[in-house]
Structures are given as structure tokens and as C-alpha cells.
Protein backbone atom coordinates (compact mmCIF):
# COMPACT_ATOMS: atom_id res chain seq x y z
CA UNK A 1 3.72 -76.25 5.52
CA UNK A 2 4.02 -74.92 9.06
CA UNK A 3 0.82 -73.70 10.73
CA UNK A 4 1.21 -71.40 13.71
CA UNK A 5 -1.55 -70.53 16.07
CA UNK A 6 -1.06 -68.91 19.46
CA UNK A 7 2.41 -70.31 20.16
CA UNK A 8 1.43 -73.68 18.76
CA UNK A 9 3.44 -74.85 15.59
CA UNK A 10 2.06 -77.72 13.60
CA UNK A 11 3.70 -79.30 10.57
CA UNK A 12 0.91 -80.08 8.12
CA UNK A 13 1.05 -83.12 5.77
CA UNK A 14 2.60 -82.51 2.42
CA UNK A 15 0.27 -80.73 0.00
CA UNK A 16 -2.76 -80.22 2.17
CA UNK A 17 -5.98 -78.88 0.43
CA UNK A 18 -7.24 -75.42 1.32
CA UNK A 19 -10.35 -77.15 2.89
CA UNK A 20 -8.02 -79.20 5.12
CA UNK A 21 -6.08 -76.06 6.26
CA UNK A 22 -9.35 -74.24 6.96
CA UNK A 23 -10.65 -77.21 8.96
CA UNK A 24 -7.37 -77.41 10.97
CA UNK A 25 -7.54 -73.78 11.77
CA UNK A 26 -11.13 -74.06 13.04
CA UNK A 27 -10.14 -77.00 15.06
CA UNK A 28 -7.26 -75.17 16.78
CA UNK A 29 -8.77 -71.84 17.50
CA UNK A 30 -10.04 -71.69 21.09
CA UNK A 31 -13.74 -71.92 21.46
CA UNK A 32 -14.00 -68.26 22.82
CA UNK A 33 -11.78 -66.71 20.21
CA UNK A 34 -12.54 -65.53 16.66
CA UNK A 35 -10.45 -65.94 13.55
CA UNK A 36 -9.16 -62.44 12.43
CA UNK A 37 -6.79 -63.02 9.67
CA UNK A 38 -3.71 -64.89 8.69
CA UNK A 39 -0.14 -63.98 7.61
CA UNK A 40 1.10 -66.28 4.76
CA UNK A 41 4.95 -65.92 4.66
CA UNK A 42 4.71 -62.19 5.72
CA UNK A 43 1.72 -61.29 3.64
CA UNK A 44 -1.35 -60.37 5.77
CA UNK A 45 -4.60 -61.61 4.33
CA UNK A 46 -7.85 -60.10 5.83
CA UNK A 47 -10.45 -61.28 3.45
CA UNK A 48 -11.13 -63.95 0.75
CA UNK A 49 -9.07 -66.37 2.70
CA UNK A 50 -10.29 -69.53 0.92
CA UNK A 51 -9.57 -67.94 -2.46
CA UNK A 52 -6.09 -66.93 -1.34
CA UNK A 53 -5.35 -70.36 -0.14
CA UNK A 54 -6.70 -72.00 -3.34
CA UNK A 55 -4.26 -69.70 -5.40
CA UNK A 56 -1.23 -69.84 -3.21
CA UNK A 57 -1.35 -72.92 -0.98
CA UNK A 58 1.48 -74.71 -2.90
CA UNK A 59 3.87 -71.73 -2.40
CA UNK A 60 3.28 -71.09 1.35
CA UNK A 61 5.75 -72.34 3.81
CA UNK A 62 4.53 -70.69 7.05
CA UNK A 63 0.80 -69.84 7.79
CA UNK A 64 0.34 -67.76 10.94
CA UNK A 65 -3.29 -67.48 12.12
CA UNK A 66 -4.37 -64.50 14.16
CA UNK A 67 -7.30 -65.16 16.38
CA UNK A 68 -8.70 -62.68 18.93
CA UNK A 69 -11.09 -62.74 21.83
CA UNK A 70 -14.63 -61.76 20.82
CA UNK A 71 -14.41 -58.50 22.68
CA UNK A 72 -11.02 -57.57 20.98
CA UNK A 73 -12.33 -58.75 17.53
CA UNK A 74 -15.51 -56.63 17.83
CA UNK A 75 -13.55 -53.58 18.96
CA UNK A 76 -11.12 -53.95 15.95
CA UNK A 77 -14.06 -54.44 13.47
CA UNK A 78 -15.84 -51.34 15.00
CA UNK A 79 -12.65 -49.24 14.73
CA UNK A 80 -12.14 -50.33 11.14
CA UNK A 81 -15.80 -49.47 10.29
CA UNK A 82 -15.57 -46.05 11.86
CA UNK A 83 -12.43 -45.24 10.00
CA UNK A 84 -14.07 -46.49 6.75
CA UNK A 85 -17.19 -44.36 7.34
CA UNK A 86 -15.08 -41.26 8.16
CA UNK A 87 -13.29 -41.47 4.79
CA UNK A 88 -16.30 -42.63 2.84
CA UNK A 89 -18.65 -39.65 4.03
CA UNK A 90 -16.50 -37.01 2.31
CA UNK A 91 -16.03 -39.19 -0.80
CA UNK A 92 -19.78 -39.58 -1.22
CA UNK A 93 -20.42 -35.79 -1.41
CA UNK A 94 -18.11 -35.61 -4.41
CA UNK A 95 -19.60 -38.80 -5.84
CA UNK A 96 -23.15 -37.48 -5.61
CA UNK A 97 -22.16 -34.22 -7.42
CA UNK A 98 -20.37 -36.21 -10.13
CA UNK A 99 -23.60 -38.05 -10.80
CA UNK A 100 -25.68 -34.87 -10.80
CA UNK A 101 -23.35 -33.62 -13.64
CA UNK A 102 -22.00 -36.24 -16.00
CA UNK A 103 -20.54 -39.48 -14.58
CA UNK A 104 -17.33 -40.63 -15.94
CA UNK A 105 -15.54 -44.02 -15.89
CA UNK A 106 -13.85 -42.88 -12.68
CA UNK A 107 -17.23 -41.93 -11.31
CA UNK A 108 -18.58 -45.63 -11.92
CA UNK A 109 -15.28 -47.11 -10.51
CA UNK A 110 -15.95 -44.97 -7.23
CA UNK A 111 -19.57 -46.13 -7.33
CA UNK A 112 -18.46 -49.72 -7.53
CA UNK A 113 -16.18 -49.16 -4.47
CA UNK A 114 -19.19 -47.59 -2.55
CA UNK A 115 -21.16 -50.81 -3.23
CA UNK A 116 -18.26 -52.99 -2.08
CA UNK A 117 -17.97 -50.77 1.09
CA UNK A 118 -21.67 -51.11 1.84
CA UNK A 119 -21.45 -54.82 1.39
CA UNK A 120 -18.58 -54.86 3.90
CA UNK A 121 -20.64 -52.80 6.30
CA UNK A 122 -23.62 -55.22 5.95
CA UNK A 123 -21.31 -58.23 6.56
CA UNK A 124 -19.84 -56.44 9.59
CA UNK A 125 -23.42 -55.77 11.05
CA UNK A 126 -24.32 -59.43 10.55
CA UNK A 127 -21.07 -60.40 12.46
CA UNK A 128 -22.00 -58.00 15.35
CA UNK A 129 -25.45 -59.26 15.30
CA UNK A 130 -24.27 -62.90 15.83
CA UNK A 131 -21.83 -61.87 18.52
CA UNK A 132 -22.06 -62.32 22.27
CA UNK A 133 -20.41 -58.83 22.38
CA UNK A 134 -23.44 -56.99 20.80
CA UNK A 135 -23.29 -53.36 21.79
CA UNK A 136 -25.92 -51.82 24.09
CA UNK A 137 -27.10 -49.56 21.25
CA UNK A 138 -27.64 -52.54 19.03
CA UNK A 139 -31.24 -51.53 18.05
CA UNK A 140 -29.89 -48.31 16.48
CA UNK A 141 -27.55 -50.42 14.44
CA UNK A 142 -30.51 -52.57 13.25
CA UNK A 143 -32.53 -49.64 12.25
CA UNK A 144 -29.61 -48.07 10.29
CA UNK A 145 -28.95 -51.31 8.54
CA UNK A 146 -32.51 -51.45 7.46
CA UNK A 147 -32.25 -47.86 6.14
CA UNK A 148 -29.01 -48.64 4.39
CA UNK A 149 -30.70 -51.66 2.63
CA UNK A 150 -33.57 -49.48 1.48
CA UNK A 151 -31.31 -46.88 0.07
CA UNK A 152 -29.24 -49.62 -1.77
CA UNK A 153 -32.43 -51.00 -3.28
CA UNK A 154 -33.36 -47.55 -4.47
CA UNK A 155 -29.83 -47.13 -5.89
CA UNK A 156 -30.26 -50.47 -7.87
CA UNK A 157 -33.56 -49.23 -9.41
CA UNK A 158 -31.95 -45.93 -10.45
CA UNK A 159 -28.98 -47.73 -12.02
CA UNK A 160 -31.44 -49.96 -13.99
CA UNK A 161 -33.29 -46.78 -15.31
CA UNK A 162 -29.71 -45.26 -16.09
CA UNK A 163 -31.02 -42.25 -14.11
CA UNK A 164 -27.87 -40.48 -13.10
CA UNK A 165 -29.41 -37.60 -11.37
CA UNK A 166 -31.52 -39.93 -9.21
CA UNK A 167 -28.45 -41.90 -8.28
CA UNK A 168 -26.82 -38.70 -7.22
CA UNK A 169 -29.93 -37.68 -5.12
CA UNK A 170 -30.03 -41.11 -3.42
CA UNK A 171 -26.36 -40.85 -2.41
CA UNK A 172 -26.87 -37.19 -1.23
CA UNK A 173 -30.19 -37.63 0.55
CA UNK A 174 -30.10 -41.15 1.67
CA UNK A 175 -26.79 -42.79 1.97
CA UNK A 176 -24.66 -39.90 3.39
CA UNK A 177 -27.05 -39.45 6.27
CA UNK A 178 -27.23 -43.21 6.98
CA UNK A 179 -23.52 -43.47 6.74
CA UNK A 180 -23.08 -40.42 9.22
CA UNK A 181 -25.56 -41.77 11.59
CA UNK A 182 -23.90 -45.20 11.56
CA UNK A 183 -20.51 -43.58 12.32
CA UNK A 184 -22.06 -41.70 15.25
CA UNK A 185 -23.46 -45.01 16.66
CA UNK A 186 -20.17 -46.85 16.17
CA UNK A 187 -18.35 -43.99 17.94
CA UNK A 188 -20.75 -44.26 20.86
CA UNK A 189 -20.10 -47.95 21.17
CA UNK A 190 -16.27 -47.53 20.97
CA UNK A 191 -16.32 -44.76 23.49
CA UNK A 192 -18.64 -46.57 25.99
CA UNK A 193 -17.50 -50.11 25.62
CA UNK A 194 -14.18 -50.35 23.61
CA UNK A 195 -10.95 -48.67 22.95
CA UNK A 196 -10.45 -46.12 20.35
CA UNK A 197 -7.61 -47.12 17.95
CA UNK A 198 -6.32 -44.69 15.46
CA UNK A 199 -5.71 -46.64 12.29
CA UNK A 200 -3.33 -45.35 9.58
């Protein structure tokens, strides 16, 4: 298998383990760069990297690793988060109303996607918190992250009680405003410190 990182092309030994590949990637990425994603024989993989390698390693002939400077990495993460929040905020209004009425199987599938999105946002905030490129308005992010965790905890309790109306209320009265405020803060950061990228 060929491993390609920033113009370097390395031929790995026959049948490496996924752990060996990940260690080699860490070893080769420049100290001031961050791993972004990899491209395995033309397929871009942005998450669950180890799982992807475990399932597909024996079939991959070329693994191209994309690393970015911390500033570029943070800018890309913030642009993705802003785009996610812009889409999610309109969906949350409809989701809240569905729980107020009578939730269907599709409602619960959308709710599951909401929880996954909230987890992704939380992971993103942890990444930013550990970065040297932390935004100047970081305290606002910390406050909003705490608010989001509080609302998610309330959601968990409402789900346990099977109180659909309460789930709708929490989404409407808590999560929507938190997501909107987070979108505003991210927008401020991008406008002041980054580059706005319009993602498709």
C-alpha cells in the first residue's frame, strides 16, 4: 500500500495493521499540522478513520493523508459547523412541532440525527478548546457549550419519561436558541479571524 503525505510517497510493508498505518501517519505529519482526513483510493473519509481502515485496509492500494495548518484546520471546522447550524436551525423548528403533535418513526430518526449533530458540535468545541488557534470570543463558546449540555441532559430525562411534548418544548425553548447563538459566535469568529467558505 502506498501512503502519500504532502508530496512524500511511502510504500508500506505488505499487510500492515490499521494501528501501524495510524502510527505512521502520526509520525509523518508535521508537528504544526493537524490531520484532517484521508482519501482511500479516491474515497474521502472524514470520520471513523480507524473503523474504516479496519474494514477496508486489505483492499486499499493508495492512502492519501490530508493535513492542514492549525489555522486552516480551525477555519475549515468552523465553516463546517456554521453550515451545519444554518441547516439544523430550520429543521429543529419542524422537529419540535412534530414532537408537540404525534412523533412518527421519521421524527425519531430526525431526533437521532439531532443527537449525533450535537455530539459532533461538542467534539468540535473540545478540539477548538485544545487548539493554539482558539478564537478571541472563546468564553462565549464555553458558555454556549455548557448551555447545550444542560439542554441535552433535560432531553435525556424527557425521553426517559416518554414525554413527547416536553421533548418538543426543550428543542423549541432551549436547543434552537443555543444553536442560533452558537451560529452567531462562529460567524463572528470567521468574519474576524478566518475566511468564509461557502460549502455545498
